[in-house]
Amino acid sequence: MAKASFFLFLIVSIIGLQQVISLTQSQVNYLKQRLNDRFNLPVSDYSQFSEFSETKNEIDSGASIQNEYDEERTINEKSEEHSHTIDVDIRMPDVKPTYENEYFCHAIEMPMERSVFIVGYKPHAEMGTAHHMLLYGCSEPGSQNKSWNCGEMATTNDESVCGDGPRILYAWAMDAPSLELPKDVGFEVGGDTGINYLVLQVHYGDISEKIKEHFTDDSGITLQITDQPRKLSAAVYLLGSGGYIPGHSEVYMESACSYDHSQVLHPFAYRVHTHKLGRVVSGYRIRNQQWEEIGRRDPQKPEMFYPITKNMTVERGDILAARCTMVNDMDKTVYTGATSDDEMCNFYMMYYTEGTLPNIDTCFRANQFKWRHYFDNIPADASVVPDEK
């Protein structure tokens, strides 16, 4: 009852504030939403207070609230398509990693009554703490705990990221900057999309010194989310390869899969990922035996999603292919795996399409898969760092 009375006072004060400092209706709606977030009341509950529309109570902090609204509007309304975005944080709840290469997961629930759209990502992490972060969409999280150990090299005590097949929505490593999606593009989540939860996975690096200081971590991501439908649906397609790199060798870890769906894909960003042995990662679309580069990058540089500036499509009958060029100068063989002493070979292609997304998300091949066994016209610069041509 006390909570309801206080909430009534705040609503009345907002209406009075509108008349005292000439707030616009959109500013009033902004304040109402702030209160809705604070007290978890549905928006429809505001209607019962309409009878107080003539009240003229003053709030001393009215000017600062208006300034807060204007500041957030400047950030969130940079462009028309983002005019209804809000920031939603998914961050580790002060977890306590205890050893290097530990994986932690944390989930937040998405709205079930209707879908919303992710249009931007702002990471909050440092490469000295987090080796990398991945954001997954899940129908159910891998655990009901606030946080849980979700290592990719699972032991019997580990739990999975998702209760079923996870969908990758975002990836970060090596102090990569924020990512804003193109106009009219968004990752649809919640509602009837099957993505009922977002799960953040953080792979912790060498934290041995921080452990001595009773270290806790809140790494995570701020999501820009809107309820305004997007014309174009976004998704991520991951190409990867598993296997090993013998000592004192250069190895091409390669993958390729055919695309057999009716939807036309429009790649707009790409990201590469290896551990210490990766020198170049390159991705291609093959059509009629002709190779077109999607992206090529040194994986030891910040592992952000880089824009694809060319206008290209992926259509039924095309082949998507990726190569990681690995150089091992050590005396030992290195295998692919989840720890920072192992290796990974990943090429992420972020794309959009009209209508329903195709039911695809990954293409993985084993070490013995080689392009030369299947394809001609392999690009001569597939293993050349772009700025070293």
Protein backbone atom coordinates (compact mmCIF):
# COMPACT_ATOMS: atom_id res chain seq x y z
CA MET A 1 0.00 0.00 0.00
CA ALA A 2 2.83 2.39 0.85
CA LYS A 3 4.46 1.61 -2.46
CA ALA A 4 1.25 2.36 -4.37
CA SER A 5 0.78 5.64 -2.49
CA PHE A 6 4.31 6.74 -3.28
CA PHE A 7 3.83 5.80 -6.92
CA LEU A 8 0.57 7.84 -7.02
CA PHE A 9 2.46 10.82 -5.63
CA LEU A 10 5.09 10.50 -8.35
CA ILE A 11 2.51 10.32 -11.13
CA VAL A 12 0.68 13.35 -9.81
CA SER A 13 4.01 15.16 -9.55
CA ILE A 14 4.86 14.37 -13.16
CA ILE A 15 1.59 15.85 -14.36
CA GLY A 16 2.17 18.94 -12.26
CA LEU A 17 5.73 19.12 -13.54
CA GLN A 18 4.45 19.17 -17.11
CA GLN A 19 2.54 22.37 -16.37
CA VAL A 20 5.27 23.99 -14.26
CA ILE A 21 8.18 23.63 -16.72
CA SER A 22 6.27 22.98 -19.96
CA LEU A 23 7.32 19.41 -20.51
CA THR A 24 6.19 17.94 -23.80
CA GLN A 25 4.03 14.82 -23.85
CA SER A 26 6.99 12.74 -25.06
CA GLN A 27 9.00 13.94 -22.05
CA VAL A 28 6.18 12.97 -19.72
CA ASN A 29 6.02 9.55 -21.38
CA TYR A 30 9.77 9.23 -20.83
CA LEU A 31 9.36 9.90 -17.10
CA LYS A 32 6.47 7.46 -16.89
CA GLN A 33 8.61 4.79 -18.50
CA ARG A 34 11.38 5.47 -15.97
CA LEU A 35 8.89 4.92 -13.16
CA ASN A 36 7.51 1.86 -14.88
CA ASP A 37 11.03 0.42 -14.99
CA ARG A 38 11.53 1.25 -11.32
CA PHE A 39 8.27 -0.14 -9.96
CA ASN A 40 7.52 -2.85 -12.54
CA LEU A 41 3.97 -1.66 -13.18
CA PRO A 42 2.41 -2.14 -16.61
CA VAL A 43 1.99 1.03 -18.65
CA SER A 44 -1.79 0.63 -18.62
CA ASP A 45 -1.80 1.31 -14.86
CA TYR A 46 -1.15 4.99 -15.55
CA SER A 47 -4.68 5.52 -16.88
CA GLN A 48 -6.23 5.40 -13.40
CA PHE A 49 -4.48 8.69 -12.53
CA SER A 50 -5.96 10.79 -15.35
CA GLU A 51 -8.36 12.52 -12.93
CA PHE A 52 -5.44 14.44 -11.45
CA SER A 53 -4.60 16.17 -14.74
CA GLU A 54 -5.22 19.64 -13.27
CA THR A 55 -2.88 19.22 -10.28
CA LYS A 56 -0.02 21.75 -10.21
CA ASN A 57 2.49 20.24 -7.72
CA GLU A 58 6.08 21.30 -8.18
CA ILE A 59 9.12 19.01 -8.02
CA ASP A 60 12.39 20.68 -7.07
CA SER A 61 14.37 18.37 -9.35
CA GLY A 62 12.18 19.09 -12.35
CA ALA A 63 14.84 20.94 -14.32
CA SER A 64 17.40 18.17 -13.81
CA ILE A 65 14.89 15.56 -14.94
CA GLN A 66 14.25 17.57 -18.07
CA ASN A 67 18.00 17.78 -18.64
CA GLU A 68 18.30 14.02 -18.16
CA TYR A 69 15.58 13.50 -20.74
CA ASP A 70 17.25 15.86 -23.21
CA GLU A 71 20.64 14.20 -22.70
CA GLU A 72 19.29 10.71 -23.25
CA ARG A 73 17.27 11.90 -26.25
CA THR A 74 20.46 13.29 -27.78
CA ILE A 75 22.13 9.89 -27.40
CA ASN A 76 19.22 7.67 -28.37
CA GLU A 77 17.68 9.78 -31.11
CA LYS A 78 20.79 10.23 -33.23
CA SER A 79 18.76 9.11 -36.20
CA GLU A 80 15.10 8.63 -36.93
CA GLU A 81 15.28 4.84 -36.96
CA HIS A 82 16.76 4.81 -33.42
CA SER A 83 14.36 7.38 -31.95
CA HIS A 84 12.66 4.85 -29.68
CA THR A 85 15.70 2.97 -28.36
CA ILE A 86 16.41 2.25 -24.72
CA ASP A 87 19.61 0.93 -23.16
CA VAL A 88 19.44 -2.50 -21.52
CA ASP A 89 22.44 -3.87 -19.65
CA ILE A 90 23.44 -7.51 -19.48
CA ARG A 91 26.47 -7.68 -17.18
CA MET A 92 28.06 -10.27 -14.97
CA PRO A 93 26.60 -9.97 -11.44
CA ASP A 94 29.98 -9.42 -9.72
CA VAL A 95 31.13 -12.98 -10.35
CA LYS A 96 34.34 -14.30 -8.79
CA PRO A 97 36.47 -16.19 -11.32
CA THR A 98 39.02 -18.36 -9.57
CA TYR A 99 41.27 -19.58 -12.38
CA GLU A 100 42.42 -18.75 -15.90
CA ASN A 101 40.18 -19.89 -18.78
CA GLU A 102 37.06 -20.08 -16.62
CA TYR A 103 33.76 -19.44 -18.42
CA PHE A 104 30.79 -17.76 -16.72
CA CYS A 105 27.27 -17.24 -18.06
CA HIS A 106 24.47 -14.90 -16.99
CA ALA A 107 20.95 -14.63 -18.47
CA ILE A 108 18.22 -12.02 -18.74
CA GLU A 109 14.66 -12.73 -19.86
CA MET A 110 13.13 -11.09 -22.91
CA PRO A 111 9.51 -9.84 -23.10
CA MET A 112 7.08 -12.61 -24.01
CA GLU A 113 4.08 -10.50 -25.06
CA ARG A 114 5.82 -9.08 -28.14
CA SER A 115 9.21 -9.04 -29.79
CA VAL A 116 11.79 -6.26 -29.58
CA PHE A 117 14.84 -5.48 -31.72
CA ILE A 118 18.51 -5.08 -30.83
CA VAL A 119 20.05 -2.31 -32.95
CA GLY A 120 23.38 -1.68 -31.21
CA TYR A 121 25.96 -3.11 -28.81
CA LYS A 122 28.26 -1.28 -26.40
CA PRO A 123 30.79 -3.58 -24.68
CA HIS A 124 32.04 -3.09 -21.12
CA ALA A 125 35.14 -5.24 -20.73
CA GLU A 126 38.92 -5.13 -20.80
CA MET A 127 41.11 -7.64 -22.61
CA GLY A 128 43.26 -7.91 -19.48
CA THR A 129 40.29 -9.54 -17.77
CA ALA A 130 38.00 -10.98 -20.44
CA HIS A 131 39.55 -13.02 -23.22
CA HIS A 132 36.28 -12.74 -25.15
CA MET A 133 32.52 -12.34 -24.69
CA LEU A 134 29.69 -13.96 -26.63
CA LEU A 135 26.00 -13.06 -26.55
CA TYR A 136 23.59 -15.91 -27.31
CA GLY A 137 19.85 -16.09 -27.90
CA CYS A 138 18.19 -19.07 -26.17
CA SER A 139 14.70 -20.45 -25.64
CA GLU A 140 15.85 -21.52 -22.16
CA PRO A 141 19.11 -20.71 -20.36
CA GLY A 142 21.48 -23.49 -19.45
CA SER A 143 20.85 -22.87 -15.75
CA GLN A 144 18.36 -21.11 -13.50
CA ASN A 145 21.17 -19.73 -11.34
CA LYS A 146 22.06 -16.06 -11.43
CA SER A 147 25.42 -17.04 -12.92
CA TRP A 148 26.93 -20.40 -13.75
CA ASN A 149 30.06 -22.07 -15.06
CA CYS A 150 29.46 -22.73 -18.75
CA GLY A 151 32.87 -23.67 -20.10
CA GLU A 152 33.01 -24.82 -23.70
CA MET A 153 35.25 -27.69 -22.60
CA ALA A 154 32.61 -28.82 -20.13
CA THR A 155 33.38 -31.02 -17.16
CA THR A 156 30.69 -33.00 -15.40
CA ASN A 157 30.11 -30.01 -13.13
CA ASP A 158 29.66 -27.51 -15.94
CA GLU A 159 26.33 -26.47 -17.40
CA SER A 160 25.62 -25.47 -20.97
CA VAL A 161 25.06 -21.96 -22.29
CA CYS A 162 21.50 -22.73 -23.43
CA GLY A 163 19.02 -25.48 -22.69
CA ASP A 164 18.91 -26.12 -26.45
CA GLY A 165 20.70 -24.86 -29.56
CA PRO A 166 22.13 -21.37 -28.95
CA ARG A 167 22.10 -18.61 -31.57
CA ILE A 168 25.02 -16.19 -31.67
CA LEU A 169 23.95 -12.53 -31.63
CA TYR A 170 27.22 -10.76 -30.89
CA ALA A 171 30.90 -11.40 -30.14
CA TRP A 172 33.65 -9.25 -28.63
CA ALA A 173 37.39 -9.55 -27.94
CA MET A 174 40.61 -7.51 -27.71
CA ASP A 175 39.05 -4.17 -26.69
CA ALA A 176 36.84 -3.95 -29.78
CA PRO A 177 34.61 -0.82 -29.86
CA SER A 178 30.82 -0.44 -29.98
CA LEU A 179 28.72 -1.67 -32.89
CA GLU A 180 25.69 0.08 -34.36
CA LEU A 181 23.59 -1.76 -36.95
CA PRO A 182 22.64 -0.19 -40.29
CA LYS A 183 19.35 1.64 -40.75
CA ASP A 184 16.23 -0.54 -40.57
CA VAL A 185 18.23 -3.60 -39.42
CA GLY A 186 17.75 -5.37 -36.08
CA PHE A 187 18.11 -8.66 -34.23
CA GLU A 188 14.56 -9.67 -33.31
CA VAL A 189 14.24 -11.28 -29.86
CA GLY A 190 11.41 -12.08 -27.44
CA GLY A 191 7.79 -12.61 -28.45
CA ASP A 192 7.38 -15.67 -30.66
CA THR A 193 10.95 -15.63 -32.03
CA GLY A 194 12.07 -18.53 -29.85
CA ILE A 195 14.68 -16.27 -28.22
CA ASN A 196 13.20 -15.96 -24.76
CA TYR A 197 16.50 -15.28 -23.01
CA LEU A 198 19.76 -13.55 -23.77
CA VAL A 199 22.78 -15.30 -22.30
CA LEU A 200 26.12 -13.53 -21.87
CA GLN A 201 29.18 -15.79 -21.79
CA VAL A 202 32.52 -14.40 -20.63
CA HIS A 203 35.77 -16.31 -21.08
CA TYR A 204 38.24 -15.07 -18.47
CA GLY A 205 41.93 -14.78 -19.30
CA ASP A 206 44.91 -14.66 -16.98
CA ILE A 207 43.44 -13.17 -13.79
CA SER A 208 46.03 -14.63 -11.39
CA GLU A 209 47.08 -11.23 -10.06
CA LYS A 210 43.52 -9.96 -9.72
CA ILE A 211 42.46 -13.03 -7.74
CA LYS A 212 44.89 -11.98 -5.02
CA GLU A 213 42.92 -8.73 -4.69
CA HIS A 214 39.55 -10.48 -4.07
CA PHE A 215 38.56 -9.65 -7.62
CA THR A 216 34.93 -9.56 -8.79
CA ASP A 217 33.78 -8.82 -12.33
CA ASP A 218 30.83 -7.07 -13.97
CA SER A 219 31.92 -7.28 -17.63
CA GLY A 220 29.04 -7.15 -20.08
CA ILE A 221 27.21 -5.32 -22.82
CA THR A 222 24.76 -2.43 -23.08
CA LEU A 223 22.17 -3.29 -25.70
CA GLN A 224 20.32 -0.66 -27.68
CA ILE A 225 16.79 -2.03 -27.96
CA THR A 226 13.66 -0.72 -29.69
CA ASP A 227 10.10 -1.97 -29.96
CA GLN A 228 9.79 -0.38 -33.41
CA PRO A 229 9.73 -3.18 -36.02
CA ARG A 230 12.71 -3.35 -38.37
CA LYS A 231 12.26 -3.86 -42.08
CA LEU A 232 15.29 -6.17 -42.21
CA SER A 233 16.14 -9.09 -39.90
CA ALA A 234 19.75 -9.57 -38.77
CA ALA A 235 21.61 -12.76 -37.88
CA VAL A 236 25.15 -14.13 -37.61
CA TYR A 237 26.60 -17.03 -39.60
CA LEU A 238 29.73 -18.66 -38.14
CA LEU A 239 32.31 -20.58 -40.14
CA GLY A 240 34.91 -22.52 -38.17
CA SER A 241 37.44 -25.30 -38.30
CA GLY A 242 38.79 -27.74 -35.73
CA GLY A 243 42.00 -29.72 -35.61
CA TYR A 244 45.64 -29.13 -34.74
CA ILE A 245 48.79 -27.21 -35.74
CA PRO A 246 52.02 -29.21 -35.50
CA GLY A 247 55.13 -27.56 -34.09
CA HIS A 248 57.21 -25.46 -36.50
CA SER A 249 54.55 -25.41 -39.21
CA GLU A 250 52.13 -23.21 -41.12
CA VAL A 251 48.65 -24.71 -41.43
CA TYR A 252 45.55 -23.63 -43.33
CA MET A 253 42.44 -24.43 -41.27
CA GLU A 254 39.62 -24.24 -43.80
CA SER A 255 35.86 -24.62 -43.97
CA ALA A 256 33.14 -24.34 -46.61
CA CYS A 257 29.40 -25.00 -46.80
CA SER A 258 26.79 -24.54 -49.53
CA TYR A 259 23.87 -22.18 -49.03
CA ASP A 260 20.62 -23.87 -50.04
CA HIS A 261 17.87 -21.51 -48.83
CA SER A 262 15.53 -19.20 -50.72
CA GLN A 263 16.23 -16.06 -48.67
CA VAL A 264 18.81 -13.68 -50.14
CA LEU A 265 21.45 -12.72 -47.54
CA HIS A 266 23.11 -9.30 -47.44
CA PRO A 267 26.40 -9.43 -45.47
CA PHE A 268 27.13 -6.10 -43.78
CA ALA A 269 29.83 -6.87 -41.17
CA TYR A 270 32.39 -9.54 -40.35
CA ARG A 271 34.62 -10.53 -37.44
CA VAL A 272 37.59 -12.90 -37.16
CA HIS A 273 38.81 -14.84 -34.13
CA THR A 274 41.81 -17.02 -33.32
CA HIS A 275 44.12 -17.27 -30.35
CA LYS A 276 47.89 -16.66 -30.44
CA LEU A 277 48.83 -18.61 -33.58
CA GLY A 278 46.43 -16.96 -36.01
CA ARG A 279 48.04 -14.73 -38.66
CA VAL A 280 45.20 -14.13 -41.15
CA VAL A 281 41.52 -15.09 -41.28
CA SER A 282 39.65 -14.67 -44.56
CA GLY A 283 36.07 -15.33 -45.69
CA TYR A 284 34.59 -15.71 -49.17
CA ARG A 285 31.47 -16.26 -51.20
CA ILE A 286 31.97 -18.66 -54.13
CA ARG A 287 29.55 -18.36 -57.05
CA ASN A 288 30.06 -20.17 -60.35
CA GLN A 289 33.63 -20.97 -59.26
CA GLN A 290 34.36 -17.26 -58.79
CA TRP A 291 35.55 -16.14 -55.36
CA GLU A 292 34.48 -12.81 -53.83
CA GLU A 293 36.06 -11.73 -50.58
CA ILE A 294 33.71 -11.00 -47.67
CA GLY A 295 36.49 -9.91 -45.35
CA ARG A 296 40.11 -10.57 -44.40
CA ARG A 297 41.83 -9.48 -41.21
CA ASP A 298 44.76 -10.00 -38.85
CA PRO A 299 43.15 -11.69 -35.78
CA GLN A 300 45.76 -10.19 -33.45
CA LYS A 301 44.19 -6.77 -33.96
CA PRO A 302 40.99 -5.66 -32.15
CA GLU A 303 38.35 -8.29 -32.91
CA MET A 304 35.46 -6.00 -33.71
CA PHE A 305 32.79 -6.44 -36.37
CA TYR A 306 34.25 -4.63 -39.37
CA PRO A 307 31.86 -3.16 -41.96
CA ILE A 308 31.53 -4.76 -45.38
CA THR A 309 31.46 -1.77 -47.69
CA LYS A 310 30.73 -3.58 -50.94
CA ASN A 311 27.20 -4.44 -52.06
CA MET A 312 27.16 -8.24 -52.18
CA THR A 313 24.60 -11.01 -51.69
CA VAL A 314 24.56 -14.70 -50.80
CA GLU A 315 21.99 -16.65 -52.78
CA ARG A 316 20.88 -20.26 -53.18
CA GLY A 317 23.66 -22.31 -54.76
CA ASP A 318 26.46 -20.11 -53.42
CA ILE A 319 29.21 -21.49 -51.17
CA LEU A 320 30.53 -19.74 -48.07
CA ALA A 321 34.17 -20.47 -47.21
CA ALA A 322 36.72 -19.39 -44.60
CA ARG A 323 40.42 -19.94 -43.90
CA CYS A 324 42.55 -19.36 -40.81
CA THR A 325 46.28 -19.24 -41.52
CA MET A 326 48.07 -20.55 -38.41
CA VAL A 327 51.81 -20.32 -37.71
CA ASN A 328 53.25 -22.43 -34.89
CA ASP A 329 56.89 -21.66 -34.03
CA MET A 330 56.83 -23.79 -30.87
CA ASP A 331 58.13 -27.32 -30.38
CA LYS A 332 54.72 -28.71 -29.47
CA THR A 333 51.51 -29.41 -31.36
CA VAL A 334 48.61 -27.08 -30.53
CA TYR A 335 45.01 -28.32 -30.77
CA THR A 336 41.78 -26.37 -31.10
CA GLY A 337 39.89 -25.95 -27.83
CA ALA A 338 38.41 -23.50 -25.37
CA THR A 339 41.44 -22.37 -23.35
CA SER A 340 43.78 -19.56 -24.33
CA ASP A 341 46.58 -22.13 -24.72
CA ASP A 342 44.50 -23.95 -27.34
CA GLU A 343 43.49 -22.50 -30.68
CA MET A 344 40.29 -21.40 -32.38
CA CYS A 345 39.46 -20.65 -36.01
CA ASN A 346 36.31 -18.55 -36.48
CA PHE A 347 34.93 -16.25 -39.18
CA TYR A 348 31.67 -14.48 -38.27
CA MET A 349 29.46 -13.02 -41.01
CA MET A 350 26.73 -10.66 -39.85
CA TYR A 351 23.95 -10.29 -42.42
CA TYR A 352 20.40 -9.13 -42.94
CA THR A 353 17.54 -10.43 -45.03
CA GLU A 354 13.91 -9.59 -45.71
CA GLY A 355 11.23 -11.67 -44.02
CA THR A 356 11.94 -14.90 -42.16
CA LEU A 357 15.52 -15.79 -41.35
CA PRO A 358 16.91 -19.01 -42.83
CA ASN A 359 17.43 -21.88 -40.39
CA ILE A 360 21.23 -21.76 -40.49
CA ASP A 361 23.88 -20.50 -38.09
CA THR A 362 27.12 -22.50 -38.35
CA CYS A 363 29.50 -24.27 -40.74
CA PHE A 364 32.26 -26.36 -39.13
CA ARG A 365 34.85 -28.61 -40.73
CA ALA A 366 37.59 -30.84 -39.33
CA ASN A 367 41.31 -30.41 -39.90
CA GLN A 368 41.46 -32.76 -42.89
CA PHE A 369 39.04 -30.59 -44.91
CA LYS A 370 41.04 -28.65 -47.52
CA TRP A 371 39.84 -26.19 -50.16
CA ARG A 372 42.19 -27.60 -52.78
CA HIS A 373 40.32 -30.91 -52.73
CA TYR A 374 37.07 -29.23 -53.82
CA PHE A 375 37.68 -25.85 -55.43
CA ASP A 376 39.63 -24.11 -58.18
CA ASN A 377 40.66 -20.46 -58.47
CA ILE A 378 41.61 -20.16 -54.78
CA PRO A 379 42.64 -16.51 -54.17
CA ALA A 380 46.40 -16.11 -53.99
CA ASP A 381 46.11 -13.52 -51.20
CA ALA A 382 43.83 -15.56 -48.91
CA SER A 383 46.69 -15.86 -46.39
CA VAL A 384 48.09 -12.37 -46.83
CA VAL A 385 47.41 -9.68 -44.21
CA PRO A 386 45.52 -6.90 -46.10
CA ASP A 387 48.02 -4.14 -45.35
CA GLU A 388 50.98 -6.37 -46.26
CA LYS A 389 50.07 -6.98 -49.92
